[in-house]
Amino acid sequence: MKSKFLFFIVSLFFASTVIAETKLKSVFNGKDLSGWVVPKGNSEAGWYSAVDGVLKIKNGPKKKGSILWSENKYRNFIMEFDFRFGEGTVDSGVHVRNQDQIQIGISGSLKRDMTCSPYIPGKGYPVEAKNIKKLLKLKDWNTMRIKAVGKQYSVWLKGEKVMTYKSDSAIDEGPVGIQLHGNRIMSIDYRNLKIAKLP
């Protein structure tokens, strides 16, 4: 009897987790940058713009870098989105509550693609995501999912789990940010940005 009850509780837990994870809500309306904090000076250069449902990001002539932060803050969450590489040497990524980042594109320090790997200030890339060369499309849309629960980050690319890392520098709550790396000419597109808050 106890085993059946335990099985029921475990099943209920996993079912509720799945339900929670499926309640992804759009955080980009595809028309403008409502809900996001545009860095001063960047909007006039067109570095962050909404065009036909796509968040288009590109450097200006001065090659300055910056971060587009969400107005909302998050604790435990799942973020899902599509991204597509543009021109130049793409170096972008998603900041998770603070300066901890999930890389997208070429690492400026390592000079190679580190997509889906965590970049942690002071530590660099402590782990490297697996199977990226096989999964990543360089000229088409890619779907990434980032899960942040406490100090643990997990990443999926095209539905395959490619990275898990526990970050000592993770904080309890903060916004998410999309990075535009400086000192290079580059562009990258994002679309279907969604977030689900988790318990």
N, C-alpha and C. Protein backbone atom coordinates (compact mmCIF):
# COMPACT_ATOMS: atom_id res chain seq x y z
N MET A 1 0.83 -1.20 0.00
CA MET A 1 0.00 0.00 0.00
C MET A 1 0.87 1.26 0.00
N LYS A 2 1.94 1.22 0.83
CA LYS A 2 2.84 2.36 0.91
C LYS A 2 3.52 2.63 -0.42
N SER A 3 3.92 1.51 -1.09
CA SER A 3 4.61 1.67 -2.37
C SER A 3 3.70 2.31 -3.42
N LYS A 4 2.40 1.92 -3.40
CA LYS A 4 1.46 2.51 -4.34
C LYS A 4 1.25 3.99 -4.06
N PHE A 5 1.19 4.32 -2.77
CA PHE A 5 1.01 5.72 -2.40
C PHE A 5 2.23 6.55 -2.80
N LEU A 6 3.41 5.98 -2.57
CA LEU A 6 4.65 6.66 -2.95
C LEU A 6 4.71 6.86 -4.45
N PHE A 7 4.31 5.83 -5.20
CA PHE A 7 4.30 5.93 -6.67
C PHE A 7 3.34 7.04 -7.12
N PHE A 8 2.19 7.13 -6.44
CA PHE A 8 1.22 8.17 -6.78
C PHE A 8 1.78 9.57 -6.53
N ILE A 9 2.46 9.73 -5.40
CA ILE A 9 3.05 11.04 -5.06
C ILE A 9 4.13 11.42 -6.07
N VAL A 10 4.99 10.46 -6.40
CA VAL A 10 6.07 10.72 -7.37
C VAL A 10 5.49 11.07 -8.73
N SER A 11 4.47 10.30 -9.15
CA SER A 11 3.83 10.56 -10.44
C SER A 11 3.18 11.94 -10.47
N LEU A 12 2.55 12.30 -9.35
CA LEU A 12 1.91 13.61 -9.25
C LEU A 12 2.95 14.72 -9.33
N PHE A 13 4.11 14.49 -8.69
CA PHE A 13 5.19 15.48 -8.72
C PHE A 13 5.68 15.71 -10.13
N PHE A 14 5.97 14.61 -10.86
CA PHE A 14 6.47 14.75 -12.23
C PHE A 14 5.42 15.36 -13.14
N ALA A 15 4.16 15.00 -12.93
CA ALA A 15 3.08 15.56 -13.75
C ALA A 15 2.96 17.06 -13.53
N SER A 16 3.03 17.49 -12.26
CA SER A 16 2.93 18.92 -11.96
C SER A 16 4.13 19.68 -12.51
N THR A 17 5.30 19.03 -12.50
CA THR A 17 6.51 19.66 -13.05
C THR A 17 6.37 19.86 -14.54
N VAL A 18 5.86 18.84 -15.24
CA VAL A 18 5.67 18.94 -16.68
C VAL A 18 4.67 20.04 -17.01
N ILE A 19 3.57 20.10 -16.23
CA ILE A 19 2.56 21.13 -16.46
C ILE A 19 3.16 22.51 -16.25
N ALA A 20 3.97 22.66 -15.18
CA ALA A 20 4.59 23.95 -14.90
C ALA A 20 5.52 24.37 -16.03
N GLU A 21 6.26 23.40 -16.57
CA GLU A 21 7.22 23.72 -17.61
C GLU A 21 6.57 24.06 -18.94
N THR A 22 5.32 23.66 -19.13
CA THR A 22 4.67 23.93 -20.41
C THR A 22 3.98 25.29 -20.44
N LYS A 23 3.91 25.97 -19.32
CA LYS A 23 3.25 27.28 -19.27
C LYS A 23 4.20 28.39 -19.66
N LEU A 24 4.77 28.26 -20.83
CA LEU A 24 5.68 29.28 -21.33
C LEU A 24 4.88 30.48 -21.84
N LYS A 25 5.28 31.66 -21.39
CA LYS A 25 4.59 32.88 -21.80
C LYS A 25 5.54 33.76 -22.61
N SER A 26 5.02 34.35 -23.66
CA SER A 26 5.83 35.19 -24.52
C SER A 26 6.36 36.41 -23.77
N VAL A 27 7.64 36.73 -23.98
CA VAL A 27 8.23 37.93 -23.37
C VAL A 27 8.72 38.89 -24.45
N PHE A 28 8.31 38.63 -25.69
CA PHE A 28 8.64 39.51 -26.81
C PHE A 28 7.46 39.51 -27.77
N ASN A 29 6.85 40.69 -27.96
CA ASN A 29 5.62 40.75 -28.75
C ASN A 29 5.85 40.79 -30.26
N GLY A 30 7.11 40.89 -30.68
CA GLY A 30 7.43 40.86 -32.10
C GLY A 30 7.23 42.18 -32.81
N LYS A 31 6.67 43.18 -32.10
CA LYS A 31 6.37 44.48 -32.72
C LYS A 31 7.28 45.59 -32.22
N ASP A 32 7.63 45.52 -30.92
CA ASP A 32 8.51 46.53 -30.34
C ASP A 32 9.24 45.91 -29.15
N LEU A 33 9.97 46.74 -28.41
CA LEU A 33 10.79 46.22 -27.30
C LEU A 33 10.14 46.44 -25.95
N SER A 34 8.81 46.42 -25.91
CA SER A 34 8.09 46.51 -24.65
C SER A 34 8.50 45.35 -23.75
N GLY A 35 8.75 45.67 -22.46
CA GLY A 35 9.16 44.63 -21.51
C GLY A 35 10.66 44.46 -21.42
N TRP A 36 11.41 45.24 -22.22
CA TRP A 36 12.86 45.14 -22.22
C TRP A 36 13.47 46.53 -22.00
N VAL A 37 14.62 46.57 -21.37
CA VAL A 37 15.31 47.82 -21.09
C VAL A 37 16.41 48.00 -22.14
N VAL A 38 16.18 48.92 -23.07
CA VAL A 38 17.15 49.15 -24.15
C VAL A 38 18.29 50.02 -23.62
N PRO A 39 19.54 49.57 -23.75
CA PRO A 39 20.68 50.38 -23.30
C PRO A 39 20.68 51.75 -23.97
N LYS A 40 21.03 52.78 -23.25
CA LYS A 40 21.03 54.14 -23.78
C LYS A 40 21.95 54.25 -24.99
N GLY A 41 21.43 54.89 -26.02
CA GLY A 41 22.24 55.11 -27.22
C GLY A 41 22.16 54.01 -28.24
N ASN A 42 21.69 52.82 -27.83
CA ASN A 42 21.69 51.70 -28.77
C ASN A 42 20.47 51.69 -29.69
N SER A 43 19.35 52.20 -29.20
CA SER A 43 18.15 52.17 -30.03
C SER A 43 18.28 53.07 -31.25
N GLU A 44 18.97 54.18 -31.10
CA GLU A 44 19.08 55.11 -32.22
C GLU A 44 19.97 54.53 -33.32
N ALA A 45 20.86 53.60 -32.96
CA ALA A 45 21.71 52.97 -33.96
C ALA A 45 21.03 51.75 -34.57
N GLY A 46 19.85 51.40 -34.03
CA GLY A 46 19.14 50.24 -34.54
C GLY A 46 19.74 48.92 -34.11
N TRP A 47 20.49 48.92 -33.02
CA TRP A 47 21.16 47.70 -32.58
C TRP A 47 20.17 46.65 -32.07
N TYR A 48 19.08 47.11 -31.49
CA TYR A 48 18.01 46.23 -31.05
C TYR A 48 16.73 46.70 -31.71
N SER A 49 16.10 45.84 -32.50
CA SER A 49 14.88 46.24 -33.18
C SER A 49 13.97 45.04 -33.38
N ALA A 50 12.67 45.32 -33.44
CA ALA A 50 11.67 44.28 -33.69
C ALA A 50 11.17 44.43 -35.13
N VAL A 51 11.35 43.38 -35.93
CA VAL A 51 10.96 43.42 -37.33
C VAL A 51 10.21 42.13 -37.68
N ASP A 52 8.91 42.25 -37.94
CA ASP A 52 8.10 41.10 -38.37
C ASP A 52 8.26 39.89 -37.44
N GLY A 53 8.17 40.13 -36.14
CA GLY A 53 8.23 39.04 -35.17
C GLY A 53 9.62 38.60 -34.78
N VAL A 54 10.63 39.28 -35.30
CA VAL A 54 12.02 38.89 -35.03
C VAL A 54 12.74 40.00 -34.27
N LEU A 55 13.45 39.63 -33.22
CA LEU A 55 14.30 40.55 -32.49
C LEU A 55 15.65 40.55 -33.19
N LYS A 56 15.97 41.65 -33.85
CA LYS A 56 17.20 41.74 -34.63
C LYS A 56 18.24 42.52 -33.84
N ILE A 57 19.42 41.94 -33.73
CA ILE A 57 20.49 42.54 -32.95
C ILE A 57 21.73 42.66 -33.82
N LYS A 58 22.32 43.86 -33.82
CA LYS A 58 23.54 44.04 -34.61
C LYS A 58 24.37 45.18 -34.02
N ASN A 59 25.68 45.13 -34.27
CA ASN A 59 26.57 46.19 -33.81
C ASN A 59 26.43 47.42 -34.67
N GLY A 60 26.70 48.56 -34.07
CA GLY A 60 26.81 49.79 -34.82
C GLY A 60 28.24 49.98 -35.31
N PRO A 61 28.52 51.07 -35.98
CA PRO A 61 29.85 51.31 -36.53
C PRO A 61 30.96 51.40 -35.50
N LYS A 62 30.59 51.76 -34.25
CA LYS A 62 31.61 51.86 -33.21
C LYS A 62 31.86 50.53 -32.50
N LYS A 63 31.12 49.52 -32.91
CA LYS A 63 31.31 48.15 -32.39
C LYS A 63 31.17 48.06 -30.87
N LYS A 64 30.28 48.84 -30.31
CA LYS A 64 30.09 48.79 -28.86
C LYS A 64 29.28 47.55 -28.47
N GLY A 65 29.55 47.05 -27.28
CA GLY A 65 28.80 45.92 -26.75
C GLY A 65 27.80 46.39 -25.71
N SER A 66 26.76 45.60 -25.47
CA SER A 66 25.77 45.94 -24.47
C SER A 66 24.88 44.74 -24.20
N ILE A 67 23.93 44.92 -23.28
CA ILE A 67 23.01 43.84 -22.91
C ILE A 67 21.59 44.39 -22.89
N LEU A 68 20.68 43.66 -23.52
CA LEU A 68 19.26 43.99 -23.49
C LEU A 68 18.63 43.20 -22.35
N TRP A 69 18.29 43.88 -21.24
CA TRP A 69 17.77 43.21 -20.05
C TRP A 69 16.25 43.21 -20.04
N SER A 70 15.68 42.15 -19.50
CA SER A 70 14.22 42.11 -19.31
C SER A 70 13.84 43.02 -18.14
N GLU A 71 12.66 43.62 -18.22
CA GLU A 71 12.18 44.45 -17.11
C GLU A 71 11.83 43.57 -15.91
N ASN A 72 11.31 42.39 -16.17
CA ASN A 72 10.93 41.47 -15.09
C ASN A 72 12.13 40.71 -14.56
N LYS A 73 12.03 40.34 -13.30
CA LYS A 73 13.06 39.51 -12.67
C LYS A 73 12.50 38.10 -12.44
N TYR A 74 13.40 37.13 -12.42
CA TYR A 74 12.98 35.73 -12.32
C TYR A 74 13.84 35.00 -11.29
N ARG A 75 13.21 34.04 -10.63
CA ARG A 75 13.93 33.15 -9.72
C ARG A 75 14.20 31.85 -10.49
N ASN A 76 13.43 30.80 -10.21
CA ASN A 76 13.55 29.56 -11.00
C ASN A 76 12.71 29.71 -12.26
N PHE A 77 13.26 29.36 -13.40
CA PHE A 77 12.52 29.57 -14.64
C PHE A 77 13.05 28.70 -15.77
N ILE A 78 12.25 28.61 -16.82
CA ILE A 78 12.66 28.03 -18.09
C ILE A 78 12.49 29.11 -19.15
N MET A 79 13.49 29.26 -19.98
CA MET A 79 13.42 30.20 -21.09
C MET A 79 13.63 29.43 -22.39
N GLU A 80 12.77 29.67 -23.35
CA GLU A 80 12.90 28.99 -24.65
C GLU A 80 12.81 30.03 -25.77
N PHE A 81 13.60 29.84 -26.81
CA PHE A 81 13.63 30.79 -27.92
C PHE A 81 14.31 30.16 -29.13
N ASP A 82 14.14 30.80 -30.28
CA ASP A 82 14.85 30.43 -31.50
C ASP A 82 15.91 31.50 -31.76
N PHE A 83 17.04 31.09 -32.31
CA PHE A 83 18.06 32.05 -32.71
C PHE A 83 18.63 31.66 -34.06
N ARG A 84 19.11 32.67 -34.77
CA ARG A 84 19.69 32.45 -36.10
C ARG A 84 20.90 33.36 -36.27
N PHE A 85 22.03 32.77 -36.63
CA PHE A 85 23.24 33.56 -36.82
C PHE A 85 23.09 34.49 -38.02
N GLY A 86 23.66 35.68 -37.90
CA GLY A 86 23.66 36.64 -38.99
C GLY A 86 25.05 36.80 -39.57
N GLU A 87 25.44 38.05 -39.77
CA GLU A 87 26.73 38.34 -40.39
C GLU A 87 27.84 38.46 -39.35
N GLY A 88 29.07 38.32 -39.83
CA GLY A 88 30.24 38.55 -38.99
C GLY A 88 30.53 37.40 -38.04
N THR A 89 31.36 37.69 -37.05
CA THR A 89 31.72 36.72 -36.03
C THR A 89 30.75 36.86 -34.87
N VAL A 90 29.74 35.99 -34.85
CA VAL A 90 28.66 36.12 -33.87
C VAL A 90 29.12 35.71 -32.48
N ASP A 91 28.96 36.62 -31.53
CA ASP A 91 29.28 36.36 -30.13
C ASP A 91 28.15 36.97 -29.31
N SER A 92 27.22 36.13 -28.90
CA SER A 92 26.06 36.58 -28.15
C SER A 92 25.79 35.59 -27.02
N GLY A 93 24.62 35.68 -26.44
CA GLY A 93 24.30 34.75 -25.37
C GLY A 93 23.20 35.30 -24.47
N VAL A 94 22.78 34.48 -23.53
CA VAL A 94 21.71 34.85 -22.60
C VAL A 94 22.27 34.91 -21.19
N HIS A 95 22.10 36.06 -20.54
CA HIS A 95 22.51 36.22 -19.15
C HIS A 95 21.42 35.68 -18.24
N VAL A 96 21.84 34.90 -17.24
CA VAL A 96 20.90 34.24 -16.34
C VAL A 96 20.92 34.93 -14.97
N ARG A 97 20.02 35.89 -14.80
CA ARG A 97 19.83 36.64 -13.55
C ARG A 97 20.94 37.65 -13.25
N ASN A 98 22.16 37.37 -13.71
CA ASN A 98 23.28 38.29 -13.45
C ASN A 98 24.26 38.20 -14.63
N GLN A 99 25.56 38.19 -14.35
CA GLN A 99 26.55 38.13 -15.43
C GLN A 99 26.86 36.70 -15.88
N ASP A 100 26.34 35.70 -15.18
CA ASP A 100 26.46 34.31 -15.68
C ASP A 100 25.75 34.25 -17.03
N GLN A 101 26.37 33.59 -17.99
CA GLN A 101 25.85 33.64 -19.35
C GLN A 101 25.88 32.27 -20.02
N ILE A 102 24.86 31.99 -20.82
CA ILE A 102 24.86 30.82 -21.70
C ILE A 102 25.27 31.33 -23.08
N GLN A 103 26.41 30.89 -23.54
CA GLN A 103 27.00 31.41 -24.77
C GLN A 103 26.23 30.99 -26.02
N ILE A 104 26.21 31.90 -27.00
CA ILE A 104 25.72 31.59 -28.34
C ILE A 104 26.73 32.15 -29.33
N GLY A 105 27.40 31.27 -30.05
CA GLY A 105 28.36 31.70 -31.05
C GLY A 105 29.80 31.56 -30.61
N ILE A 106 30.66 32.34 -31.26
CA ILE A 106 32.11 32.24 -31.08
C ILE A 106 32.56 32.91 -29.80
N SER A 107 33.32 32.19 -28.98
CA SER A 107 33.90 32.76 -27.78
C SER A 107 35.02 33.72 -28.16
N GLY A 108 34.98 34.93 -27.61
CA GLY A 108 36.04 35.89 -27.89
C GLY A 108 37.38 35.46 -27.34
N SER A 109 37.37 34.73 -26.23
CA SER A 109 38.62 34.29 -25.61
C SER A 109 39.16 33.00 -26.21
N LEU A 110 38.27 32.06 -26.53
CA LEU A 110 38.71 30.77 -27.05
C LEU A 110 38.76 30.72 -28.58
N LYS A 111 38.12 31.69 -29.23
CA LYS A 111 38.12 31.79 -30.70
C LYS A 111 37.49 30.57 -31.37
N ARG A 112 36.49 29.99 -30.75
CA ARG A 112 35.75 28.88 -31.34
C ARG A 112 34.33 28.86 -30.80
N ASP A 113 33.47 28.13 -31.48
CA ASP A 113 32.06 28.11 -31.12
C ASP A 113 31.86 27.40 -29.78
N MET A 114 31.22 28.11 -28.84
CA MET A 114 30.94 27.55 -27.52
C MET A 114 29.44 27.64 -27.21
N THR A 115 28.62 27.58 -28.26
CA THR A 115 27.17 27.66 -28.09
C THR A 115 26.67 26.65 -27.04
N CYS A 116 25.81 27.12 -26.16
CA CYS A 116 25.17 26.33 -25.08
C CYS A 116 26.06 26.10 -23.87
N SER A 117 27.32 26.55 -23.92
CA SER A 117 28.21 26.41 -22.77
C SER A 117 28.07 27.61 -21.84
N PRO A 118 28.25 27.42 -20.53
CA PRO A 118 28.14 28.55 -19.60
C PRO A 118 29.44 29.34 -19.56
N TYR A 119 29.30 30.67 -19.64
CA TYR A 119 30.45 31.54 -19.40
C TYR A 119 30.26 32.17 -18.03
N ILE A 120 31.19 31.92 -17.12
CA ILE A 120 31.10 32.40 -15.75
C ILE A 120 32.24 33.39 -15.51
N PRO A 121 31.95 34.65 -15.21
CA PRO A 121 33.01 35.63 -14.97
C PRO A 121 34.00 35.14 -13.92
N GLY A 122 35.27 35.23 -14.25
CA GLY A 122 36.32 34.78 -13.35
C GLY A 122 36.70 33.33 -13.54
N LYS A 123 35.84 32.56 -14.22
CA LYS A 123 36.11 31.14 -14.44
C LYS A 123 36.18 30.79 -15.92
N GLY A 124 35.69 31.68 -16.77
CA GLY A 124 35.65 31.35 -18.20
C GLY A 124 34.56 30.33 -18.48
N TYR A 125 34.92 29.28 -19.20
CA TYR A 125 33.98 28.21 -19.55
C TYR A 125 34.33 26.97 -18.73
N PRO A 126 33.68 26.77 -17.57
CA PRO A 126 34.03 25.64 -16.70
C PRO A 126 33.67 24.28 -17.28
N VAL A 127 32.63 24.23 -18.13
CA VAL A 127 32.25 22.99 -18.82
C VAL A 127 31.89 23.35 -20.26
N GLU A 128 31.92 22.37 -21.14
CA GLU A 128 31.56 22.61 -22.54
C GLU A 128 30.36 21.74 -22.92
N ALA A 129 29.40 22.37 -23.57
CA ALA A 129 28.21 21.65 -24.01
C ALA A 129 28.58 20.56 -25.00
N LYS A 130 27.79 19.48 -25.00
CA LYS A 130 28.09 18.31 -25.82
C LYS A 130 27.26 18.27 -27.11
N ASN A 131 27.85 17.70 -28.14
CA ASN A 131 27.16 17.38 -29.40
C ASN A 131 26.69 18.61 -30.18
N ILE A 132 27.31 19.76 -29.94
CA ILE A 132 26.87 21.00 -30.58
C ILE A 132 27.14 20.99 -32.08
N LYS A 133 28.27 20.50 -32.49
CA LYS A 133 28.60 20.50 -33.93
C LYS A 133 27.56 19.74 -34.74
N LYS A 134 27.02 18.68 -34.17
CA LYS A 134 26.02 17.88 -34.87
C LYS A 134 24.66 18.58 -34.90
N LEU A 135 24.31 19.26 -33.82
CA LEU A 135 22.96 19.82 -33.68
C LEU A 135 22.81 21.23 -34.25
N LEU A 136 23.85 22.03 -34.17
CA LEU A 136 23.74 23.44 -34.51
C LEU A 136 23.65 23.70 -36.01
N LYS A 137 22.64 24.50 -36.41
CA LYS A 137 22.50 24.92 -37.80
C LYS A 137 23.06 26.33 -37.92
N LEU A 138 24.04 26.50 -38.77
CA LEU A 138 24.70 27.79 -38.90
C LEU A 138 23.93 28.77 -39.77
N LYS A 139 23.05 28.27 -40.63
CA LYS A 139 22.34 29.15 -41.56
C LYS A 139 20.83 29.05 -41.43
N ASP A 140 20.36 28.54 -40.30
CA ASP A 140 18.92 28.38 -40.10
C ASP A 140 18.58 28.62 -38.64
N TRP A 141 17.31 28.53 -38.31
CA TRP A 141 16.87 28.73 -36.93
C TRP A 141 17.22 27.53 -36.06
N ASN A 142 17.61 27.82 -34.82
CA ASN A 142 17.89 26.81 -33.80
C ASN A 142 17.03 27.11 -32.58
N THR A 143 16.54 26.08 -31.92
CA THR A 143 15.74 26.26 -30.71
C THR A 143 16.56 25.88 -29.49
N MET A 144 16.64 26.81 -28.54
CA MET A 144 17.36 26.58 -27.29
C MET A 144 16.41 26.70 -26.12
N ARG A 145 16.64 25.87 -25.12
CA ARG A 145 15.88 25.95 -23.87
C ARG A 145 16.88 26.01 -22.72
N ILE A 146 16.69 26.99 -21.85
CA ILE A 146 17.55 27.17 -20.67
C ILE A 146 16.69 27.00 -19.43
N LYS A 147 17.14 26.16 -18.51
CA LYS A 147 16.43 25.96 -17.25
C LYS A 147 17.35 26.37 -16.11
N ALA A 148 16.88 27.29 -15.28
CA ALA A 148 17.66 27.76 -14.14
C ALA A 148 16.88 27.48 -12.87
N VAL A 149 17.38 26.57 -12.06
CA VAL A 149 16.75 26.23 -10.78
C VAL A 149 17.81 26.35 -9.70
N GLY A 150 17.65 27.35 -8.83
CA GLY A 150 18.69 27.59 -7.84
C GLY A 150 20.00 27.94 -8.53
N LYS A 151 21.03 27.20 -8.20
CA LYS A 151 22.34 27.44 -8.79
C LYS A 151 22.61 26.59 -10.03
N GLN A 152 21.67 25.73 -10.38
CA GLN A 152 21.90 24.81 -11.49
C GLN A 152 21.30 25.32 -12.80
N TYR A 153 22.12 25.29 -13.84
CA TYR A 153 21.69 25.65 -15.18
C TYR A 153 21.70 24.40 -16.06
N SER A 154 20.66 24.21 -16.84
CA SER A 154 20.60 23.13 -17.82
C SER A 154 20.20 23.72 -19.17
N VAL A 155 20.76 23.17 -20.25
CA VAL A 155 20.49 23.71 -21.59
C VAL A 155 20.16 22.58 -22.55
N TRP A 156 19.16 22.83 -23.40
CA TRP A 156 18.78 21.91 -24.47
C TRP A 156 18.94 22.63 -25.80
N LEU A 157 19.40 21.93 -26.82
CA LEU A 157 19.46 22.46 -28.18
C LEU A 157 18.72 21.49 -29.09
N LYS A 158 17.72 22.00 -29.79
CA LYS A 158 16.87 21.17 -30.65
C LYS A 158 16.29 19.98 -29.89
N GLY A 159 15.95 20.19 -28.63
CA GLY A 159 15.31 19.16 -27.82
C GLY A 159 16.26 18.20 -27.14
N GLU A 160 17.56 18.32 -27.40
CA GLU A 160 18.53 17.41 -26.78
C GLU A 160 19.27 18.14 -25.66
N LYS A 161 19.32 17.51 -24.49
CA LYS A 161 20.02 18.12 -23.37
C LYS A 161 21.52 18.07 -23.62
N VAL A 162 22.17 19.24 -23.58
CA VAL A 162 23.58 19.30 -23.95
C VAL A 162 24.49 19.81 -22.84
N MET A 163 23.90 20.37 -21.75
CA MET A 163 24.75 20.92 -20.72
C MET A 163 24.02 21.06 -19.39
N THR A 164 24.72 20.74 -18.29
CA THR A 164 24.26 21.00 -16.93
C THR A 164 25.44 21.52 -16.13
N TYR A 165 25.21 22.58 -15.37
CA TYR A 165 26.30 23.16 -14.59
C TYR A 165 25.75 23.83 -13.35
N LYS A 166 26.44 23.66 -12.23
CA LYS A 166 26.07 24.31 -10.98
C LYS A 166 27.02 25.48 -10.75
N SER A 167 26.46 26.69 -10.71
CA SER A 167 27.27 27.90 -10.62
C SER A 167 27.27 28.48 -9.21
N ASP A 168 28.44 28.63 -8.64
CA ASP A 168 28.56 29.22 -7.31
C ASP A 168 28.22 30.71 -7.32
N SER A 169 28.32 31.32 -8.50
CA SER A 169 28.04 32.76 -8.59
C SER A 169 26.59 33.06 -8.93
N ALA A 170 25.75 32.03 -9.05
CA ALA A 170 24.33 32.24 -9.34
C ALA A 170 23.68 33.02 -8.20
N ILE A 171 22.72 33.88 -8.55
CA ILE A 171 21.98 34.61 -7.52
C ILE A 171 20.52 34.15 -7.53
N ASP A 172 19.80 34.48 -6.46
CA ASP A 172 18.44 33.97 -6.29
C ASP A 172 17.46 34.52 -7.32
N GLU A 173 17.61 35.78 -7.65
CA GLU A 173 16.62 36.43 -8.52
C GLU A 173 17.27 37.53 -9.34
N GLY A 174 16.81 37.68 -10.58
CA GLY A 174 17.33 38.73 -11.43
C GLY A 174 16.70 38.65 -12.81
N PRO A 175 16.98 39.64 -13.67
CA PRO A 175 16.43 39.64 -15.02
C PRO A 175 17.21 38.69 -15.93
N VAL A 176 16.69 38.48 -17.12
CA VAL A 176 17.47 37.77 -18.14
C VAL A 176 17.94 38.83 -19.14
N GLY A 177 19.07 38.57 -19.75
CA GLY A 177 19.63 39.54 -20.67
C GLY A 177 20.12 38.89 -21.94
N ILE A 178 20.04 39.62 -23.04
CA ILE A 178 20.56 39.13 -24.32
C ILE A 178 21.76 39.99 -24.69
N GLN A 179 22.88 39.33 -24.89
CA GLN A 179 24.15 40.04 -25.08
C GLN A 179 24.45 40.36 -26.54
N LEU A 180 24.98 41.57 -26.71
CA LEU A 180 25.57 41.98 -27.98
C LEU A 180 27.03 42.27 -27.67
N HIS A 181 27.92 41.41 -28.14
CA HIS A 181 29.34 41.56 -27.81
C HIS A 181 29.95 42.71 -28.60
N GLY A 182 30.87 43.42 -27.96
CA GLY A 182 31.53 44.53 -28.61
C GLY A 182 32.78 44.12 -29.38
N ASN A 183 33.41 45.10 -29.99
CA ASN A 183 34.69 44.94 -30.69
C ASN A 183 34.62 44.04 -31.91
N ARG A 184 33.48 43.99 -32.54
CA ARG A 184 33.34 43.19 -33.76
C ARG A 184 32.07 43.62 -34.50
N ILE A 185 32.02 43.32 -35.79
CA ILE A 185 30.81 43.52 -36.56
C ILE A 185 30.05 42.20 -36.58
N MET A 186 28.84 42.20 -36.10
CA MET A 186 28.07 40.96 -36.02
C MET A 186 26.59 41.26 -35.98
N SER A 187 25.79 40.24 -36.30
CA SER A 187 24.34 40.34 -36.15
C SER A 187 23.78 38.96 -35.82
N ILE A 188 22.67 38.95 -35.10
CA ILE A 188 22.00 37.71 -34.73
C ILE A 188 20.52 38.00 -34.56
N ASP A 189 19.67 37.05 -34.90
CA ASP A 189 18.23 37.19 -34.77
C ASP A 189 17.69 36.25 -33.69
N TYR A 190 16.67 36.73 -32.96
CA TYR A 190 15.95 35.92 -31.98
C TYR A 190 14.46 36.02 -32.28
N ARG A 191 13.73 34.96 -31.95
CA ARG A 191 12.27 35.00 -32.08
C ARG A 191 11.65 34.02 -31.08
N ASN A 192 10.33 34.11 -30.91
CA ASN A 192 9.59 33.19 -30.04
C ASN A 192 10.20 33.10 -28.63
N LEU A 193 10.57 34.24 -28.07
CA LEU A 193 11.15 34.26 -26.72
C LEU A 193 10.03 34.06 -25.70
N LYS A 194 10.16 33.00 -24.90
CA LYS A 194 9.13 32.64 -23.92
C LYS A 194 9.81 32.25 -22.60
N ILE A 195 9.11 32.52 -21.51
CA ILE A 195 9.62 32.16 -20.19
C ILE A 195 8.49 31.57 -19.35
N ALA A 196 8.82 30.55 -18.58
CA ALA A 196 7.88 29.97 -17.61
C ALA A 196 8.53 30.03 -16.24
N LYS A 197 7.81 30.60 -15.28
CA LYS A 197 8.31 30.62 -13.91
C LYS A 197 8.08 29.26 -13.27
N LEU A 198 9.07 28.80 -12.52
CA LEU A 198 8.98 27.50 -11.84
C LEU A 198 8.94 27.71 -10.33
N PRO A 199 8.44 26.72 -9.61
CA PRO A 199 8.39 26.83 -8.14
C PRO A 199 9.78 26.98 -7.54
